[in-house]
Amino acid sequence: DAVAIFGDYDVDGACTSALLARFLEHHGTPRRIYIPDRIFEGYGPNAAAIETLIGEGAKLIVTVDCGTTSFAPFKVAKELNTDVLVIDHHQADAALPEVFAIVNPNRQDDISGQGHLCAAGVTFLVLVAAARELRRRGFYAQRNCAEPDLLSLLDLVALATVADVVPLTGLNRAYVKKGLQVMHARANVGLTALADAAGLNQAPTPYHLGFILGPRINAGGRIGDAALGAKLLSTEDALEAARIAQLLDRLNKERKAIEAAALEEAMAAADRQVE
């Protein structure tokens, strides 16, 4: 049965969507990533998108980096007999949507002390728990299937952690330290293509995550196709990765030019007021 991944359009959303997609693919589960359009759909799940995903065959919808306050869209999912799992890190009210489960360290009833994690950091822990449960049930042994190499996914968690500007303490610090080592090995086809498109030819540092790679993924959500980042980070096709990375690099240049022009116009307007 297909799983629909509904993500946010920022770096954390793209990384988290790709993280979950890679985990599902390893287990042979069909998946579909849906990233809403920043302008036309706004942040978080909407009823029309939920209906579309269910109509396309989704038996489970997992929202990542969003969904904690999405009451109306999830009511639609319930009416259509489709389970929803929310994995998020945004602040939650006391009242929560009626879904199968909401994993969020910033729920008011959560006592984990992990409220500083970004969505990718939370999702990584969900995948650790899922793999452990599958192992306990004999899933891997019965199918003669290798367990997923979760540590190899920490490059995505590190990128999301730095780009989402969460505190680099505790588990986040470990994520970034190990994730940078994983990224340096250049195993993720999409991240490698993005680094090459950006001219990054040295061992990655937190600076490179926050100011070189992150902005390029964000550029898709700001002035292009919001799904480009998640597509790039989840693909195993080197040619597709190169194409998307070069497109994101160009979009990022356009974004910077637009911002520079807007700043110049604002400064000129301010100068006229002073005169």
Protein backbone atom coordinates (compact mmCIF):
# COMPACT_ATOMS: atom_id res chain seq x y z
CA ASP A 1 0.00 0.00 0.00
CA ALA A 2 1.29 3.44 -0.93
CA VAL A 3 2.45 5.95 1.67
CA ALA A 4 2.09 9.66 0.92
CA ILE A 5 4.70 11.92 2.52
CA PHE A 6 3.42 15.47 2.96
CA GLY A 7 6.34 17.79 3.70
CA ASP A 8 7.11 21.45 4.20
CA TYR A 9 8.76 23.51 1.46
CA ASP A 10 11.87 24.52 3.45
CA VAL A 11 15.19 22.67 3.90
CA ASP A 12 13.97 20.76 6.95
CA GLY A 13 10.87 19.64 5.08
CA ALA A 14 12.87 18.56 2.01
CA CYS A 15 15.45 16.66 4.07
CA THR A 16 12.79 15.00 6.23
CA SER A 17 10.71 13.95 3.22
CA ALA A 18 13.79 12.43 1.57
CA LEU A 19 14.80 10.74 4.83
CA LEU A 20 11.45 8.99 5.16
CA ALA A 21 11.28 8.20 1.42
CA ARG A 22 14.66 6.46 1.52
CA PHE A 23 13.62 4.41 4.56
CA LEU A 24 10.39 3.30 2.87
CA GLU A 25 12.19 2.43 -0.37
CA HIS A 26 14.62 0.21 1.53
CA HIS A 27 11.63 -1.75 2.82
CA GLY A 28 9.98 -1.98 -0.59
CA THR A 29 7.10 0.34 0.31
CA PRO A 30 5.73 2.53 -2.51
CA ARG A 31 5.87 6.18 -1.55
CA ARG A 32 4.96 9.58 -2.96
CA ILE A 33 6.32 12.93 -1.78
CA TYR A 34 4.00 15.92 -1.86
CA ILE A 35 5.34 19.41 -1.13
CA PRO A 36 2.75 22.23 -1.16
CA ASP A 37 3.27 25.40 -3.18
CA ARG A 38 4.33 28.23 -0.87
CA ILE A 39 2.20 30.84 -2.68
CA PHE A 40 -0.91 28.94 -3.73
CA GLU A 41 -1.26 26.44 -0.87
CA GLY A 42 0.67 27.94 2.01
CA TYR A 43 2.15 26.05 4.94
CA GLY A 44 0.94 22.65 6.05
CA PRO A 45 -1.70 20.17 4.88
CA ASN A 46 -4.82 21.37 3.08
CA ALA A 47 -8.05 19.49 2.38
CA ALA A 48 -7.66 19.52 -1.42
CA ALA A 49 -4.18 17.99 -1.26
CA ILE A 50 -5.32 15.34 1.22
CA GLU A 51 -8.20 14.37 -1.07
CA THR A 52 -5.83 14.21 -4.05
CA LEU A 53 -3.35 11.96 -2.27
CA ILE A 54 -6.07 9.58 -1.12
CA GLY A 55 -7.57 9.58 -4.62
CA GLU A 56 -4.15 8.56 -5.97
CA GLY A 57 -4.13 5.53 -3.69
CA ALA A 58 -2.46 6.64 -0.46
CA LYS A 59 -3.35 4.27 2.39
CA LEU A 60 -1.30 6.23 4.93
CA ILE A 61 -0.39 9.91 4.96
CA VAL A 62 2.67 10.97 6.94
CA THR A 63 3.10 14.70 7.43
CA VAL A 64 6.63 15.82 8.23
CA ASP A 65 7.63 19.24 9.59
CA CYS A 66 3.95 20.20 9.66
CA GLY A 67 0.51 18.96 10.69
CA THR A 68 0.37 19.56 14.44
CA THR A 69 -2.42 22.12 14.06
CA SER A 70 -4.10 20.80 10.89
CA PHE A 71 -7.55 19.96 12.26
CA ALA A 72 -9.74 20.47 9.16
CA PRO A 73 -7.57 18.64 6.58
CA PHE A 74 -7.24 15.62 8.86
CA LYS A 75 -10.98 15.53 9.38
CA VAL A 76 -11.20 14.97 5.61
CA ALA A 77 -8.70 12.09 5.88
CA LYS A 78 -10.75 10.50 8.64
CA GLU A 79 -13.95 10.79 6.60
CA LEU A 80 -12.13 9.00 3.77
CA ASN A 81 -10.91 6.24 6.14
CA THR A 82 -7.22 7.07 5.74
CA ASP A 83 -4.77 7.03 8.64
CA VAL A 84 -2.51 10.02 9.28
CA LEU A 85 0.80 10.05 11.14
CA VAL A 86 2.20 13.46 12.08
CA ILE A 87 5.95 13.87 12.68
CA ASP A 88 6.65 17.47 13.61
CA HIS A 89 8.54 19.75 15.98
CA HIS A 90 6.46 22.93 16.01
CA GLN A 91 4.76 24.18 19.16
CA ALA A 92 1.48 22.43 19.89
CA ASP A 93 -1.70 23.54 21.62
CA ALA A 94 -3.31 21.39 24.30
CA ALA A 95 -5.92 20.25 21.76
CA LEU A 96 -4.50 18.06 18.98
CA PRO A 97 -5.97 16.85 15.67
CA GLU A 98 -7.63 13.44 15.70
CA VAL A 99 -5.12 11.24 13.84
CA PHE A 100 -3.44 7.86 14.28
CA ALA A 101 -0.43 9.40 16.06
CA ILE A 102 1.37 12.71 16.55
CA VAL A 103 5.10 12.43 17.25
CA ASN A 104 6.24 15.87 18.36
CA PRO A 105 8.64 16.65 21.22
CA ASN A 106 6.91 20.03 21.60
CA ARG A 107 3.54 18.53 22.47
CA GLN A 108 2.43 19.89 25.84
CA ASP A 109 2.32 16.35 27.26
CA ASP A 110 5.81 15.39 26.00
CA ILE A 111 8.51 14.83 28.62
CA SER A 112 11.36 13.69 26.35
CA GLY A 113 13.32 16.92 26.65
CA GLN A 114 14.04 16.82 22.90
CA GLY A 115 12.09 19.93 21.94
CA HIS A 116 15.20 21.45 20.34
CA LEU A 117 15.22 18.91 17.49
CA CYS A 118 14.19 19.89 13.97
CA ALA A 119 11.72 17.69 12.08
CA ALA A 120 14.50 15.63 10.48
CA GLY A 121 15.98 14.99 13.92
CA VAL A 122 12.61 13.80 15.23
CA THR A 123 12.01 11.67 12.14
CA PHE A 124 15.39 10.00 12.48
CA LEU A 125 14.41 8.83 15.97
CA VAL A 126 11.09 7.54 14.58
CA LEU A 127 13.01 5.51 11.98
CA VAL A 128 15.35 4.13 14.64
CA ALA A 129 12.32 2.99 16.63
CA ALA A 130 10.60 1.59 13.52
CA ALA A 131 13.66 -0.44 12.51
CA ARG A 132 14.02 -1.75 16.06
CA GLU A 133 10.37 -2.85 16.10
CA LEU A 134 10.69 -4.51 12.68
CA ARG A 135 13.77 -6.35 13.94
CA ARG A 136 11.89 -7.46 17.05
CA ARG A 137 9.06 -8.83 14.91
CA GLY A 138 11.50 -10.76 12.73
CA PHE A 139 10.82 -8.70 9.60
CA TYR A 140 14.44 -8.70 8.40
CA ALA A 141 15.19 -12.30 9.36
CA GLN A 142 12.04 -13.70 7.72
CA ARG A 143 12.64 -11.87 4.45
CA ASN A 144 16.43 -12.28 4.45
CA CYS A 145 16.48 -8.50 4.10
CA ALA A 146 19.33 -6.27 5.27
CA GLU A 147 18.50 -3.77 7.98
CA PRO A 148 18.65 -0.14 6.84
CA ASP A 149 21.93 1.71 7.42
CA LEU A 150 20.38 4.58 9.33
CA LEU A 151 23.70 6.26 10.10
CA SER A 152 24.18 6.74 6.34
CA LEU A 153 21.14 9.06 6.38
CA LEU A 154 22.62 11.48 8.90
CA ASP A 155 23.90 13.80 6.15
CA LEU A 156 20.26 14.78 5.57
CA VAL A 157 19.63 15.22 9.30
CA ALA A 158 22.74 17.39 9.67
CA LEU A 159 21.75 19.65 6.76
CA ALA A 160 18.23 20.11 8.15
CA THR A 161 19.52 20.74 11.68
CA VAL A 162 21.87 23.54 10.61
CA ALA A 163 19.51 25.09 8.04
CA ASP A 164 16.60 25.15 10.52
CA VAL A 165 18.80 27.07 12.98
CA VAL A 166 18.00 24.89 15.98
CA PRO A 167 20.42 24.88 18.96
CA LEU A 168 23.55 22.83 18.27
CA THR A 169 23.49 21.14 21.66
CA GLY A 170 22.86 17.59 22.84
CA LEU A 171 21.61 15.25 20.14
CA ASN A 172 21.70 18.00 17.50
CA ARG A 173 25.44 18.38 17.98
CA ALA A 174 25.91 14.63 17.48
CA TYR A 175 23.70 14.70 14.38
CA VAL A 176 25.79 17.43 12.77
CA LYS A 177 29.18 15.98 13.74
CA LYS A 178 28.38 12.53 12.37
CA GLY A 179 26.33 13.89 9.47
CA LEU A 180 29.23 15.97 8.17
CA GLN A 181 31.40 12.84 8.11
CA VAL A 182 28.69 11.01 6.14
CA MET A 183 28.32 13.93 3.72
CA HIS A 184 32.07 14.02 3.11
CA ALA A 185 31.81 10.42 1.83
CA ARG A 186 29.51 11.75 -0.96
CA ALA A 187 27.12 8.78 -0.86
CA ASN A 188 23.93 10.81 -1.38
CA VAL A 189 23.67 11.40 -5.12
CA GLY A 190 21.59 14.55 -4.76
CA LEU A 191 23.74 16.20 -2.10
CA THR A 192 26.85 15.40 -4.11
CA ALA A 193 25.36 16.99 -7.24
CA LEU A 194 24.33 20.07 -5.26
CA ALA A 195 27.82 20.44 -3.76
CA ASP A 196 29.33 20.17 -7.24
CA ALA A 197 26.88 22.71 -8.70
CA ALA A 198 27.80 25.11 -5.88
CA GLY A 199 31.53 24.60 -6.44
CA LEU A 200 31.99 23.08 -2.99
CA ASN A 201 35.18 21.04 -3.34
CA GLN A 202 36.30 20.63 0.28
CA ALA A 203 35.16 18.80 3.39
CA PRO A 204 31.75 20.25 4.35
CA THR A 205 31.39 22.36 7.48
CA PRO A 206 28.32 23.78 9.26
CA TYR A 207 28.95 27.01 7.32
CA HIS A 208 28.56 25.16 4.01
CA LEU A 209 25.30 23.57 5.20
CA GLY A 210 23.80 26.87 6.32
CA PHE A 211 25.06 29.24 3.64
CA ILE A 212 25.91 27.16 0.54
CA LEU A 213 23.68 24.07 0.35
CA GLY A 214 20.66 25.17 2.41
CA PRO A 215 19.87 28.34 0.43
CA ARG A 216 19.96 26.45 -2.85
CA ILE A 217 17.38 23.94 -1.63
CA ASN A 218 15.27 26.79 -0.25
CA ALA A 219 15.38 28.58 -3.60
CA GLY A 220 13.07 25.97 -5.10
CA GLY A 221 10.37 26.71 -2.54
CA ARG A 222 10.77 30.47 -2.88
CA ILE A 223 10.83 31.11 -6.63
CA GLY A 224 10.60 27.71 -8.35
CA ASP A 225 9.08 24.28 -7.84
CA ALA A 226 8.77 23.65 -4.10
CA ALA A 227 9.27 19.90 -4.59
CA LEU A 228 12.70 20.23 -6.22
CA GLY A 229 14.66 19.92 -2.97
CA ALA A 230 12.92 16.74 -1.83
CA LYS A 231 13.27 15.24 -5.34
CA LEU A 232 16.98 16.01 -5.37
CA LEU A 233 17.68 14.55 -1.94
CA SER A 234 15.68 11.35 -2.52
CA THR A 235 16.84 10.42 -6.04
CA GLU A 236 19.38 7.74 -6.94
CA ASP A 237 19.59 8.94 -10.55
CA ALA A 238 22.85 10.87 -11.07
CA LEU A 239 21.64 12.55 -14.27
CA GLU A 240 18.40 13.73 -12.66
CA ALA A 241 20.35 14.89 -9.61
CA ALA A 242 22.73 16.96 -11.76
CA ARG A 243 19.81 18.54 -13.64
CA ILE A 244 17.93 19.49 -10.45
CA ALA A 245 21.10 20.72 -8.70
CA GLN A 246 21.99 23.01 -11.60
CA LEU A 247 18.42 24.32 -11.69
CA LEU A 248 18.46 25.04 -7.94
CA ASP A 249 21.83 26.78 -8.31
CA ARG A 250 20.36 29.03 -11.03
CA LEU A 251 17.21 29.71 -8.98
CA ASN A 252 19.38 30.68 -6.02
CA LYS A 253 21.23 33.22 -8.17
CA GLU A 254 17.87 34.64 -9.27
CA ARG A 255 16.71 34.78 -5.63
CA LYS A 256 19.80 36.75 -4.62
CA ALA A 257 19.33 39.18 -7.53
CA ILE A 258 15.67 39.73 -6.57
CA GLU A 259 16.61 40.33 -2.93
CA ALA A 260 19.41 42.73 -3.92
CA ALA A 261 17.04 44.72 -6.15
CA ALA A 262 14.40 44.85 -3.39
CA LEU A 263 16.99 46.07 -0.88
CA GLU A 264 18.22 48.73 -3.29
CA GLU A 265 14.66 49.91 -3.90
CA ALA A 266 13.94 50.02 -0.16
CA MET A 267 17.12 51.99 0.54
CA ALA A 268 16.24 54.47 -2.20
CA ALA A 269 12.74 54.89 -0.76
CA ALA A 270 14.20 55.45 2.71
CA ASP A 271 16.63 58.04 1.36
CA ARG A 272 13.77 59.95 -0.33
CA GLN A 273 11.86 60.06 2.97
CA VAL A 274 14.91 61.41 4.80
CA GLU A 275 15.34 64.15 2.20
